[in-house]
């Protein structure tokens, strides 16, 4: 009777090694994909900027406003901020201020308005009033003037000057000189006397 041939059977250890090797390779592929996805997600910027080549006079939508930040900041440019943003938020979005920025000339707590241009001056650039930006027209800027500068205007005393400052801190920038009519104590007659002495 002829001898029966034996067929070699793979040892259990070889199968185990093969399974472990496949599992390791699969695990490395999944880990690489996860790391790559995490890196891609980490590239999102916390602050959204708008290239200056794009139109900047659009109306803000979806709870955002456009603010143009200039002067002594790290990254001047056009920024989209939340509707309740204040000056300090705009400066933070622009990377913060430079060492020679005059923060005493800027009200960090003031609410921002859509389409505003925010300029941070260099120390010593402000006028004698401490809150006016020097310009050749010699007019008082309603959005930057401090109380002392406002009191140089005819019929504007300490109380009325304080009301003007409080109004802009609550409502944002004056969009026109006529906005003074919204300040308690200022009527048409007083406005007429101020119209040629102030600007926004």
N, C-alpha and C. Protein backbone atom coordinates (compact mmCIF):
# COMPACT_ATOMS: atom_id res chain seq x y z
N UNK A 1 0.86 -1.20 0.00
CA UNK A 1 0.00 0.00 0.00
C UNK A 1 0.89 1.24 0.00
N UNK A 2 0.66 2.12 -0.99
CA UNK A 2 1.56 3.29 -1.10
C UNK A 2 1.40 4.24 0.10
N UNK A 3 2.51 4.89 0.44
CA UNK A 3 2.48 5.84 1.59
C UNK A 3 1.72 7.11 1.22
N UNK A 4 0.93 7.55 2.16
CA UNK A 4 0.15 8.79 1.93
C UNK A 4 1.05 10.01 2.12
N UNK A 5 0.99 10.94 1.10
CA UNK A 5 1.82 12.16 1.20
C UNK A 5 1.17 13.17 2.13
N UNK A 6 1.98 13.81 2.90
CA UNK A 6 1.51 14.86 3.83
C UNK A 6 1.68 16.24 3.20
N UNK A 7 0.57 17.01 3.21
CA UNK A 7 0.61 18.40 2.68
C UNK A 7 1.00 19.33 3.82
N UNK A 8 2.05 20.13 3.66
CA UNK A 8 2.46 21.03 4.75
C UNK A 8 1.40 22.10 5.03
N UNK A 9 1.09 22.30 6.29
CA UNK A 9 0.11 23.30 6.73
C UNK A 9 0.86 24.46 7.36
N UNK A 10 0.52 25.72 6.96
CA UNK A 10 1.23 26.88 7.55
C UNK A 10 1.08 26.87 9.05
N UNK A 11 2.15 27.16 9.71
CA UNK A 11 2.14 27.21 11.17
C UNK A 11 1.25 28.34 11.64
N UNK A 12 0.56 28.15 12.76
CA UNK A 12 -0.32 29.22 13.29
C UNK A 12 0.41 30.51 13.53
N UNK A 13 1.70 30.41 13.89
CA UNK A 13 2.45 31.63 14.18
C UNK A 13 2.63 32.50 12.92
N UNK A 14 2.79 31.85 11.76
CA UNK A 14 2.95 32.60 10.51
C UNK A 14 1.68 33.38 10.20
N UNK A 15 0.51 32.75 10.39
CA UNK A 15 -0.76 33.44 10.15
C UNK A 15 -0.92 34.63 11.10
N UNK A 16 -0.52 34.42 12.33
CA UNK A 16 -0.65 35.48 13.33
C UNK A 16 0.23 36.68 12.97
N UNK A 17 1.44 36.37 12.52
CA UNK A 17 2.34 37.46 12.14
C UNK A 17 1.78 38.24 10.95
N UNK A 18 1.22 37.52 9.98
CA UNK A 18 0.64 38.15 8.80
C UNK A 18 -0.52 39.07 9.18
N UNK A 19 -1.39 38.62 10.09
CA UNK A 19 -2.55 39.42 10.54
C UNK A 19 -2.11 40.67 11.29
N UNK A 20 -1.11 40.51 12.15
CA UNK A 20 -0.61 41.67 12.92
C UNK A 20 0.02 42.69 11.99
N UNK A 21 0.78 42.21 10.99
CA UNK A 21 1.40 43.14 10.04
C UNK A 21 0.37 43.93 9.27
N UNK A 22 -0.70 43.26 8.81
CA UNK A 22 -1.77 43.96 8.07
C UNK A 22 -2.46 44.98 8.95
N UNK A 23 -2.69 44.61 10.21
CA UNK A 23 -3.36 45.53 11.14
C UNK A 23 -2.52 46.76 11.40
N UNK A 24 -1.20 46.59 11.53
CA UNK A 24 -0.29 47.71 11.76
C UNK A 24 -0.30 48.67 10.58
N UNK A 25 -0.22 48.10 9.36
CA UNK A 25 -0.23 48.93 8.15
C UNK A 25 -1.54 49.72 8.06
N UNK A 26 -2.66 49.04 8.31
CA UNK A 26 -3.96 49.70 8.26
C UNK A 26 -4.05 50.82 9.30
N UNK A 27 -3.53 50.55 10.49
CA UNK A 27 -3.55 51.55 11.55
C UNK A 27 -2.74 52.79 11.18
N UNK A 28 -1.58 52.59 10.56
CA UNK A 28 -0.74 53.72 10.14
C UNK A 28 -1.43 54.56 9.07
N UNK A 29 -2.12 53.91 8.14
CA UNK A 29 -2.85 54.64 7.10
C UNK A 29 -3.94 55.52 7.71
N UNK A 30 -4.71 54.93 8.65
CA UNK A 30 -5.79 55.68 9.30
C UNK A 30 -5.23 56.84 10.10
N UNK A 31 -4.11 56.62 10.83
CA UNK A 31 -3.49 57.68 11.64
C UNK A 31 -2.99 58.81 10.76
N UNK A 32 -2.37 58.48 9.62
CA UNK A 32 -1.86 59.51 8.71
C UNK A 32 -3.00 60.36 8.17
N UNK A 33 -4.11 59.70 7.83
CA UNK A 33 -5.26 60.44 7.30
C UNK A 33 -5.82 61.38 8.36
N UNK A 34 -5.88 60.91 9.62
CA UNK A 34 -6.42 61.73 10.70
C UNK A 34 -5.54 62.94 10.96
N UNK A 35 -4.21 62.73 10.95
CA UNK A 35 -3.28 63.84 11.17
C UNK A 35 -3.39 64.86 10.05
N UNK A 36 -3.46 64.37 8.82
CA UNK A 36 -3.59 65.28 7.68
C UNK A 36 -4.85 66.11 7.76
N UNK A 37 -5.95 65.50 8.17
CA UNK A 37 -7.22 66.22 8.30
C UNK A 37 -7.12 67.27 9.40
N UNK A 38 -6.45 66.92 10.50
CA UNK A 38 -6.28 67.88 11.60
C UNK A 38 -5.46 69.07 11.18
N UNK A 39 -4.41 68.86 10.38
CA UNK A 39 -3.58 69.97 9.90
C UNK A 39 -4.38 70.89 9.00
N UNK A 40 -5.20 70.28 8.12
CA UNK A 40 -6.02 71.09 7.22
C UNK A 40 -7.01 71.94 8.00
N UNK A 41 -7.61 71.36 9.04
CA UNK A 41 -8.56 72.13 9.84
C UNK A 41 -7.87 73.23 10.61
N UNK A 42 -6.64 73.01 11.02
CA UNK A 42 -5.89 74.00 11.80
C UNK A 42 -5.47 75.20 11.00
N UNK A 43 -5.63 75.14 9.67
CA UNK A 43 -5.22 76.27 8.84
C UNK A 43 -6.26 77.37 8.77
N UNK A 44 -7.44 77.17 9.34
CA UNK A 44 -8.49 78.19 9.31
C UNK A 44 -8.06 79.40 10.12
N UNK A 45 -8.26 80.58 9.61
CA UNK A 45 -7.86 81.80 10.28
C UNK A 45 -8.94 82.27 11.26
N UNK A 46 -8.55 82.73 12.47
CA UNK A 46 -9.55 83.18 13.45
C UNK A 46 -10.20 84.50 13.07
N UNK A 47 -9.53 85.29 12.25
CA UNK A 47 -10.06 86.59 11.85
C UNK A 47 -10.17 86.63 10.34
N UNK A 48 -11.28 87.08 9.85
CA UNK A 48 -11.49 87.11 8.41
C UNK A 48 -11.13 88.49 7.88
N UNK A 49 -10.28 88.54 6.87
CA UNK A 49 -9.91 89.80 6.26
C UNK A 49 -10.43 89.83 4.83
N UNK A 50 -10.57 91.03 4.29
CA UNK A 50 -11.06 91.20 2.93
C UNK A 50 -9.97 91.89 2.13
N UNK A 51 -9.52 91.31 1.01
CA UNK A 51 -8.51 91.97 0.18
C UNK A 51 -9.00 93.34 -0.26
N UNK A 52 -8.10 94.33 -0.23
CA UNK A 52 -8.49 95.70 -0.57
C UNK A 52 -8.87 95.85 -2.03
N UNK A 53 -8.55 94.85 -2.85
CA UNK A 53 -8.92 94.92 -4.26
C UNK A 53 -10.41 94.68 -4.45
N UNK A 54 -11.06 94.08 -3.42
CA UNK A 54 -12.49 93.83 -3.52
C UNK A 54 -13.28 95.07 -3.13
N UNK A 55 -14.56 95.10 -3.50
CA UNK A 55 -15.40 96.24 -3.18
C UNK A 55 -15.58 96.33 -1.68
N UNK A 56 -15.36 97.53 -1.12
CA UNK A 56 -15.44 97.70 0.33
C UNK A 56 -16.66 98.49 0.76
N UNK A 57 -17.52 98.90 -0.21
CA UNK A 57 -18.67 99.72 0.17
C UNK A 57 -19.95 98.89 0.24
N UNK A 58 -19.82 97.57 0.37
CA UNK A 58 -21.01 96.73 0.48
C UNK A 58 -21.60 96.84 1.87
N UNK A 59 -22.88 96.60 1.98
CA UNK A 59 -23.54 96.62 3.28
C UNK A 59 -23.25 95.30 3.99
N UNK A 60 -22.93 95.39 5.27
CA UNK A 60 -22.62 94.17 6.03
C UNK A 60 -23.85 93.29 6.15
N UNK A 61 -23.63 91.99 6.00
CA UNK A 61 -24.74 91.05 6.11
C UNK A 61 -24.35 89.95 7.08
N UNK A 62 -25.34 89.16 7.46
CA UNK A 62 -25.12 88.02 8.33
C UNK A 62 -24.41 88.40 9.62
N UNK A 63 -24.83 89.51 10.22
CA UNK A 63 -24.30 89.88 11.53
C UNK A 63 -22.86 90.34 11.51
N UNK A 64 -22.39 90.94 10.41
CA UNK A 64 -21.02 91.39 10.33
C UNK A 64 -20.96 92.84 9.87
N UNK A 65 -19.86 93.52 10.21
CA UNK A 65 -19.64 94.87 9.72
C UNK A 65 -18.21 94.99 9.20
N UNK A 66 -18.02 95.92 8.27
CA UNK A 66 -16.71 96.14 7.67
C UNK A 66 -16.04 97.33 8.36
N UNK A 67 -14.78 97.16 8.75
CA UNK A 67 -14.01 98.24 9.38
C UNK A 67 -12.63 98.29 8.73
N UNK A 68 -12.24 99.49 8.30
CA UNK A 68 -10.93 99.69 7.68
C UNK A 68 -9.97 100.22 8.75
N UNK A 69 -8.99 99.41 9.13
CA UNK A 69 -8.06 99.78 10.20
C UNK A 69 -6.74 100.24 9.59
N UNK A 70 -6.32 101.45 9.97
CA UNK A 70 -5.09 102.04 9.43
C UNK A 70 -4.23 102.58 10.57
N UNK A 71 -3.04 103.05 10.22
CA UNK A 71 -2.17 103.68 11.21
C UNK A 71 -1.22 102.70 11.87
N UNK A 72 -0.99 102.92 13.15
CA UNK A 72 0.03 102.18 13.88
C UNK A 72 -0.46 100.82 14.39
N UNK A 73 -0.77 99.94 13.46
CA UNK A 73 -1.17 98.57 13.78
C UNK A 73 -0.29 97.61 12.99
N UNK A 74 -0.23 96.37 13.46
CA UNK A 74 0.64 95.38 12.83
C UNK A 74 0.22 95.07 11.39
N UNK A 75 -1.09 94.91 11.16
CA UNK A 75 -1.57 94.51 9.84
C UNK A 75 -2.73 95.39 9.40
N UNK A 76 -2.47 96.59 8.87
CA UNK A 76 -3.56 97.45 8.39
C UNK A 76 -4.36 96.73 7.31
N UNK A 77 -5.65 97.00 7.28
CA UNK A 77 -6.47 96.37 6.25
C UNK A 77 -7.95 96.47 6.57
N UNK A 78 -8.74 95.81 5.73
CA UNK A 78 -10.19 95.80 5.88
C UNK A 78 -10.60 94.52 6.59
N UNK A 79 -11.35 94.65 7.68
CA UNK A 79 -11.72 93.50 8.49
C UNK A 79 -13.24 93.39 8.64
N UNK A 80 -13.73 92.14 8.69
CA UNK A 80 -15.13 91.88 8.97
C UNK A 80 -15.25 91.45 10.42
N UNK A 81 -16.04 92.19 11.20
CA UNK A 81 -16.20 91.94 12.63
C UNK A 81 -17.66 91.75 12.97
N UNK A 82 -17.93 91.29 14.19
CA UNK A 82 -19.30 91.13 14.64
C UNK A 82 -19.96 92.50 14.82
N UNK A 83 -21.29 92.54 14.73
CA UNK A 83 -22.01 93.81 14.81
C UNK A 83 -21.81 94.53 16.12
N UNK A 84 -21.54 93.79 17.21
CA UNK A 84 -21.35 94.44 18.50
C UNK A 84 -19.88 94.68 18.83
N UNK A 85 -19.02 94.64 17.81
CA UNK A 85 -17.58 94.82 18.02
C UNK A 85 -17.26 96.25 18.44
N UNK A 86 -16.17 96.38 19.17
CA UNK A 86 -15.69 97.68 19.63
C UNK A 86 -14.29 97.93 19.06
N UNK A 87 -13.77 99.13 19.31
CA UNK A 87 -12.47 99.51 18.76
C UNK A 87 -11.39 98.51 19.16
N UNK A 88 -11.42 98.04 20.40
CA UNK A 88 -10.40 97.09 20.86
C UNK A 88 -10.44 95.80 20.03
N UNK A 89 -11.62 95.40 19.56
CA UNK A 89 -11.74 94.20 18.73
C UNK A 89 -11.10 94.41 17.36
N UNK A 90 -11.29 95.61 16.81
CA UNK A 90 -10.70 95.91 15.50
C UNK A 90 -9.18 95.93 15.58
N UNK A 91 -8.65 96.49 16.66
CA UNK A 91 -7.20 96.53 16.82
C UNK A 91 -6.63 95.13 17.02
N UNK A 92 -7.36 94.29 17.73
CA UNK A 92 -6.92 92.91 17.92
C UNK A 92 -6.92 92.16 16.60
N UNK A 93 -7.95 92.40 15.78
CA UNK A 93 -8.04 91.75 14.47
C UNK A 93 -6.88 92.17 13.58
N UNK A 94 -6.40 93.40 13.75
CA UNK A 94 -5.29 93.92 12.94
C UNK A 94 -3.94 93.54 13.53
N UNK A 95 -3.93 92.64 14.49
CA UNK A 95 -2.67 92.15 15.04
C UNK A 95 -2.12 92.95 16.19
N UNK A 96 -2.90 93.91 16.69
CA UNK A 96 -2.43 94.74 17.80
C UNK A 96 -1.77 96.02 17.30
N UNK A 97 -1.42 96.88 18.24
CA UNK A 97 -0.82 98.17 17.88
C UNK A 97 0.70 98.11 17.95
N UNK A 98 1.33 99.06 17.26
CA UNK A 98 2.79 99.17 17.28
C UNK A 98 3.23 99.93 18.54
N UNK A 99 4.53 99.91 18.80
CA UNK A 99 5.06 100.51 20.03
C UNK A 99 4.82 102.01 20.09
N UNK A 100 4.78 102.68 18.94
CA UNK A 100 4.63 104.14 18.94
C UNK A 100 3.18 104.58 18.74
N UNK A 101 2.23 103.67 18.92
CA UNK A 101 0.81 104.03 18.76
C UNK A 101 0.34 104.85 19.95
N UNK A 102 -0.45 105.89 19.67
CA UNK A 102 -0.99 106.75 20.72
C UNK A 102 -2.38 106.25 21.12
N UNK A 103 -2.43 105.37 22.11
CA UNK A 103 -3.71 104.79 22.53
C UNK A 103 -4.56 105.77 23.33
N UNK A 104 -3.97 106.86 23.80
CA UNK A 104 -4.76 107.87 24.51
C UNK A 104 -5.66 108.65 23.54
N UNK A 105 -5.33 108.59 22.26
CA UNK A 105 -6.13 109.27 21.25
C UNK A 105 -7.22 108.37 20.69
N UNK A 106 -7.28 107.13 21.18
CA UNK A 106 -8.26 106.16 20.67
C UNK A 106 -9.10 105.64 21.83
N UNK A 107 -10.42 105.68 21.66
CA UNK A 107 -11.32 105.15 22.69
C UNK A 107 -11.52 103.66 22.43
N UNK A 108 -10.83 102.82 23.17
CA UNK A 108 -10.87 101.38 22.94
C UNK A 108 -12.25 100.77 23.19
N UNK A 109 -13.07 101.44 24.02
CA UNK A 109 -14.37 100.88 24.38
C UNK A 109 -15.49 101.31 23.43
N UNK A 110 -15.19 102.17 22.46
CA UNK A 110 -16.24 102.70 21.59
C UNK A 110 -16.79 101.64 20.64
N UNK A 111 -18.11 101.55 20.51
CA UNK A 111 -18.70 100.62 19.52
C UNK A 111 -18.35 101.04 18.10
N UNK A 112 -18.18 100.08 17.23
CA UNK A 112 -17.85 100.36 15.83
C UNK A 112 -19.12 100.42 14.99
N UNK A 113 -19.02 101.07 13.85
CA UNK A 113 -20.14 101.12 12.92
C UNK A 113 -19.68 100.63 11.56
N UNK A 114 -20.62 100.13 10.76
CA UNK A 114 -20.28 99.57 9.46
C UNK A 114 -19.71 100.63 8.53
N UNK A 115 -18.65 100.31 7.84
CA UNK A 115 -18.03 101.23 6.89
C UNK A 115 -17.08 102.21 7.54
N UNK A 116 -16.76 102.01 8.79
CA UNK A 116 -15.90 102.95 9.51
C UNK A 116 -14.44 102.78 9.13
N UNK A 117 -13.71 103.89 9.14
CA UNK A 117 -12.26 103.85 8.98
C UNK A 117 -11.64 104.25 10.32
N UNK A 118 -10.87 103.36 10.88
CA UNK A 118 -10.26 103.56 12.20
C UNK A 118 -8.77 103.79 12.02
N UNK A 119 -8.31 104.98 12.43
CA UNK A 119 -6.90 105.34 12.26
C UNK A 119 -6.25 105.48 13.63
N UNK A 120 -5.20 104.71 13.89
CA UNK A 120 -4.45 104.80 15.14
C UNK A 120 -3.23 105.70 14.90
N UNK A 121 -3.18 106.87 15.55
CA UNK A 121 -2.08 107.81 15.28
C UNK A 121 -0.80 107.46 16.02
N UNK A 122 0.28 108.10 15.59
CA UNK A 122 1.57 107.99 16.27
C UNK A 122 1.55 108.93 17.48
N UNK A 123 2.26 108.57 18.52
CA UNK A 123 2.35 109.43 19.70
C UNK A 123 2.86 110.80 19.28
N UNK A 124 2.16 111.86 19.72
CA UNK A 124 2.55 113.23 19.38
C UNK A 124 1.89 113.75 18.12
N UNK A 125 1.12 112.90 17.45
CA UNK A 125 0.46 113.31 16.20
C UNK A 125 -0.84 114.05 16.47
N UNK A 126 -1.44 113.81 17.66
CA UNK A 126 -2.73 114.45 17.98
C UNK A 126 -2.53 115.94 18.21
N UNK A 127 -3.60 116.71 18.03
CA UNK A 127 -3.55 118.16 18.20
C UNK A 127 -3.56 118.55 19.67
N UNK A 128 -3.67 119.84 19.94
CA UNK A 128 -3.63 120.34 21.31
C UNK A 128 -4.79 119.81 22.13
N UNK A 129 -5.90 119.56 21.51
CA UNK A 129 -7.05 119.05 22.24
C UNK A 129 -6.84 117.63 22.73
N UNK A 130 -5.85 116.93 22.18
CA UNK A 130 -5.57 115.57 22.61
C UNK A 130 -6.45 114.55 21.92
N UNK A 131 -7.53 115.01 21.26
CA UNK A 131 -8.43 114.07 20.63
C UNK A 131 -8.76 114.45 19.21
N UNK A 132 -8.15 115.49 18.68
CA UNK A 132 -8.43 115.90 17.32
C UNK A 132 -7.26 115.51 16.43
N UNK A 133 -7.57 115.07 15.23
CA UNK A 133 -6.53 114.73 14.28
C UNK A 133 -6.18 115.98 13.48
N UNK A 134 -4.91 116.35 13.46
CA UNK A 134 -4.55 117.59 12.79
C UNK A 134 -4.83 117.53 11.29
N UNK A 135 -5.58 118.50 10.79
CA UNK A 135 -5.84 118.63 9.36
C UNK A 135 -5.83 120.11 9.02
N UNK A 136 -5.63 120.40 7.74
CA UNK A 136 -5.50 121.79 7.33
C UNK A 136 -6.79 122.59 7.47
N UNK A 137 -7.94 121.90 7.53
CA UNK A 137 -9.20 122.64 7.57
C UNK A 137 -9.47 123.29 8.93
N UNK A 138 -8.78 122.87 9.98
CA UNK A 138 -8.95 123.48 11.29
C UNK A 138 -10.27 123.15 11.97
N UNK A 139 -11.03 122.21 11.44
CA UNK A 139 -12.32 121.85 12.02
C UNK A 139 -12.16 120.82 13.14
N UNK A 140 -13.12 120.81 14.05
CA UNK A 140 -13.13 119.83 15.13
C UNK A 140 -13.79 118.54 14.64
N UNK A 141 -13.11 117.42 14.78
CA UNK A 141 -13.65 116.13 14.36
C UNK A 141 -14.55 115.59 15.47
N UNK A 142 -15.84 115.49 15.20
CA UNK A 142 -16.81 115.03 16.21
C UNK A 142 -16.54 113.61 16.67
N UNK A 143 -15.89 112.81 15.86
CA UNK A 143 -15.66 111.41 16.22
C UNK A 143 -14.37 111.19 17.00
N UNK A 144 -13.50 112.19 17.04
CA UNK A 144 -12.22 112.03 17.74
C UNK A 144 -11.99 113.05 18.84
N UNK A 145 -12.71 114.15 18.81
CA UNK A 145 -12.46 115.24 19.75
C UNK A 145 -12.76 114.82 21.19
N UNK A 146 -11.89 115.23 22.12
CA UNK A 146 -12.16 114.98 23.53
C UNK A 146 -12.98 116.14 24.09
N UNK A 147 -13.27 116.12 25.38
CA UNK A 147 -14.14 117.12 25.98
C UNK A 147 -13.54 118.52 25.86
N UNK A 148 -12.24 118.65 26.10
CA UNK A 148 -11.59 119.97 26.04
C UNK A 148 -11.72 120.58 24.64
N UNK A 149 -11.54 119.75 23.61
CA UNK A 149 -11.65 120.25 22.24
C UNK A 149 -13.07 120.67 21.92
N UNK A 150 -14.06 119.89 22.37
CA UNK A 150 -15.46 120.22 22.12
C UNK A 150 -15.87 121.51 22.81
N UNK A 151 -15.30 121.78 23.97
CA UNK A 151 -15.66 122.99 24.72
C UNK A 151 -15.12 124.27 24.08
N UNK A 152 -14.25 124.12 23.09
CA UNK A 152 -13.78 125.32 22.37
C UNK A 152 -14.83 125.81 21.37
N UNK A 153 -15.85 125.00 21.13
CA UNK A 153 -16.92 125.38 20.21
C UNK A 153 -17.88 126.35 20.89
N UNK A 154 -18.47 127.28 20.15
CA UNK A 154 -19.40 128.24 20.74
C UNK A 154 -20.64 127.56 21.33
N UNK A 155 -21.01 127.98 22.54
CA UNK A 155 -22.20 127.51 23.25
C UNK A 155 -22.13 126.03 23.64
N UNK A 156 -20.92 125.44 23.60
CA UNK A 156 -20.74 124.07 24.06
C UNK A 156 -19.96 124.11 25.38
N UNK A 157 -20.67 123.86 26.48
CA UNK A 157 -20.03 123.83 27.79
C UNK A 157 -19.68 122.41 28.19
N UNK A 158 -19.19 122.22 29.41
CA UNK A 158 -18.78 120.88 29.88
C UNK A 158 -19.90 119.84 29.79
N UNK A 159 -21.12 120.22 30.19
CA UNK A 159 -22.22 119.25 30.19
C UNK A 159 -22.57 118.80 28.77
N UNK A 160 -22.65 119.75 27.84
CA UNK A 160 -23.02 119.42 26.47
C UNK A 160 -21.90 118.65 25.77
N UNK A 161 -20.65 119.00 26.07
CA UNK A 161 -19.52 118.28 25.50
C UNK A 161 -19.54 116.83 25.95
N UNK A 162 -19.88 116.62 27.24
CA UNK A 162 -19.95 115.27 27.77
C UNK A 162 -21.07 114.48 27.11
N UNK A 163 -22.19 115.14 26.81
CA UNK A 163 -23.30 114.45 26.14
C UNK A 163 -22.92 114.01 24.73
N UNK A 164 -22.14 114.84 24.04
CA UNK A 164 -21.69 114.48 22.68
C UNK A 164 -20.81 113.23 22.74
N UNK A 165 -19.91 113.21 23.71
CA UNK A 165 -19.01 112.05 23.86
C UNK A 165 -19.81 110.80 24.23
N UNK A 166 -20.76 110.96 25.15
CA UNK A 166 -21.58 109.82 25.57
C UNK A 166 -22.42 109.28 24.41
N UNK A 167 -22.92 110.19 23.55
CA UNK A 167 -23.73 109.76 22.42
C UNK A 167 -22.93 108.89 21.47
N UNK A 168 -21.71 109.32 21.14
CA UNK A 168 -20.91 108.55 20.18
C UNK A 168 -20.41 107.24 20.80
N UNK A 169 -20.20 107.21 22.12
CA UNK A 169 -19.79 105.97 22.76
C UNK A 169 -20.93 104.95 22.77
N UNK A 170 -22.16 105.45 22.83
CA UNK A 170 -23.32 104.57 22.85
C UNK A 170 -23.77 104.17 21.45
N UNK A 171 -23.71 105.11 20.51
CA UNK A 171 -24.28 104.89 19.17
C UNK A 171 -23.27 104.68 18.06
N UNK A 172 -21.99 104.85 18.37
CA UNK A 172 -20.98 104.73 17.32
C UNK A 172 -20.65 106.09 16.72
N UNK A 173 -19.94 106.08 15.64
CA UNK A 173 -19.49 107.32 15.01
C UNK A 173 -20.63 108.18 14.50
N UNK A 174 -20.39 109.49 14.51
CA UNK A 174 -21.30 110.41 13.83
C UNK A 174 -21.11 110.21 12.33
N UNK A 175 -22.20 109.95 11.63
CA UNK A 175 -22.12 109.76 10.18
C UNK A 175 -22.18 111.08 9.43
N UNK A 176 -22.78 112.07 10.05
CA UNK A 176 -22.84 113.41 9.47
C UNK A 176 -22.96 114.42 10.61
N UNK A 177 -22.70 115.68 10.31
CA UNK A 177 -22.81 116.75 11.31
C UNK A 177 -24.24 116.85 11.82
N UNK A 178 -25.20 116.56 10.96
CA UNK A 178 -26.62 116.63 11.34
C UNK A 178 -26.98 115.64 12.45
N UNK A 179 -26.15 114.62 12.66
CA UNK A 179 -26.40 113.66 13.74
C UNK A 179 -26.35 114.32 15.11
N UNK A 180 -25.77 115.51 15.19
CA UNK A 180 -25.72 116.23 16.46
C UNK A 180 -27.12 116.52 17.00
N UNK A 181 -28.11 116.56 16.11
CA UNK A 181 -29.49 116.81 16.54
C UNK A 181 -30.01 115.71 17.46
N UNK A 182 -29.38 114.54 17.41
CA UNK A 182 -29.80 113.43 18.27
C UNK A 182 -29.24 113.55 19.68
N UNK A 183 -28.30 114.47 19.87
CA UNK A 183 -27.71 114.70 21.20
C UNK A 183 -28.65 115.59 22.01
N UNK A 184 -29.06 115.17 23.20
CA UNK A 184 -29.96 115.99 24.03
C UNK A 184 -29.35 117.36 24.29
N UNK A 185 -30.15 118.40 24.04
CA UNK A 185 -29.68 119.77 24.28
C UNK A 185 -29.22 120.49 23.03
N UNK A 186 -29.12 119.77 21.90
CA UNK A 186 -28.70 120.42 20.65
C UNK A 186 -29.88 120.47 19.70
N UNK A 187 -30.26 121.70 19.34
CA UNK A 187 -31.37 121.90 18.42
C UNK A 187 -30.90 122.50 17.11
N UNK A 188 -31.85 122.83 16.27
CA UNK A 188 -31.53 123.36 14.92
C UNK A 188 -30.69 124.63 14.98
N UNK A 189 -31.03 125.53 15.91
CA UNK A 189 -30.32 126.80 16.00
C UNK A 189 -28.87 126.62 16.42
N UNK A 190 -28.65 125.76 17.43
CA UNK A 190 -27.27 125.50 17.87
C UNK A 190 -26.48 124.77 16.79
N UNK A 191 -27.13 123.84 16.11
CA UNK A 191 -26.48 123.10 15.03
C UNK A 191 -26.03 124.05 13.92
N UNK A 192 -26.86 125.02 13.61
CA UNK A 192 -26.52 125.97 12.55
C UNK A 192 -25.24 126.75 12.90
N UNK A 193 -25.06 127.01 14.18
CA UNK A 193 -23.86 127.73 14.61
C UNK A 193 -22.60 126.86 14.65
N UNK A 194 -22.79 125.54 14.64
CA UNK A 194 -21.67 124.62 14.70
C UNK A 194 -21.29 124.01 13.35
N UNK A 195 -22.22 124.07 12.41
CA UNK A 195 -22.07 123.35 11.15
C UNK A 195 -20.77 123.66 10.42
N UNK A 196 -20.31 124.91 10.48
CA UNK A 196 -19.10 125.30 9.74
C UNK A 196 -17.83 125.13 10.57
N UNK A 197 -17.97 124.61 11.80
CA UNK A 197 -16.81 124.50 12.69
C UNK A 197 -16.43 123.06 12.99
N UNK A 198 -17.30 122.11 12.59
CA UNK A 198 -17.05 120.71 12.90
C UNK A 198 -17.13 119.85 11.65
N UNK A 199 -16.62 118.63 11.77
CA UNK A 199 -16.68 117.66 10.67
C UNK A 199 -16.73 116.26 11.26
N UNK A 200 -17.00 115.27 10.39
CA UNK A 200 -16.99 113.85 10.81
C UNK A 200 -15.98 113.08 9.97
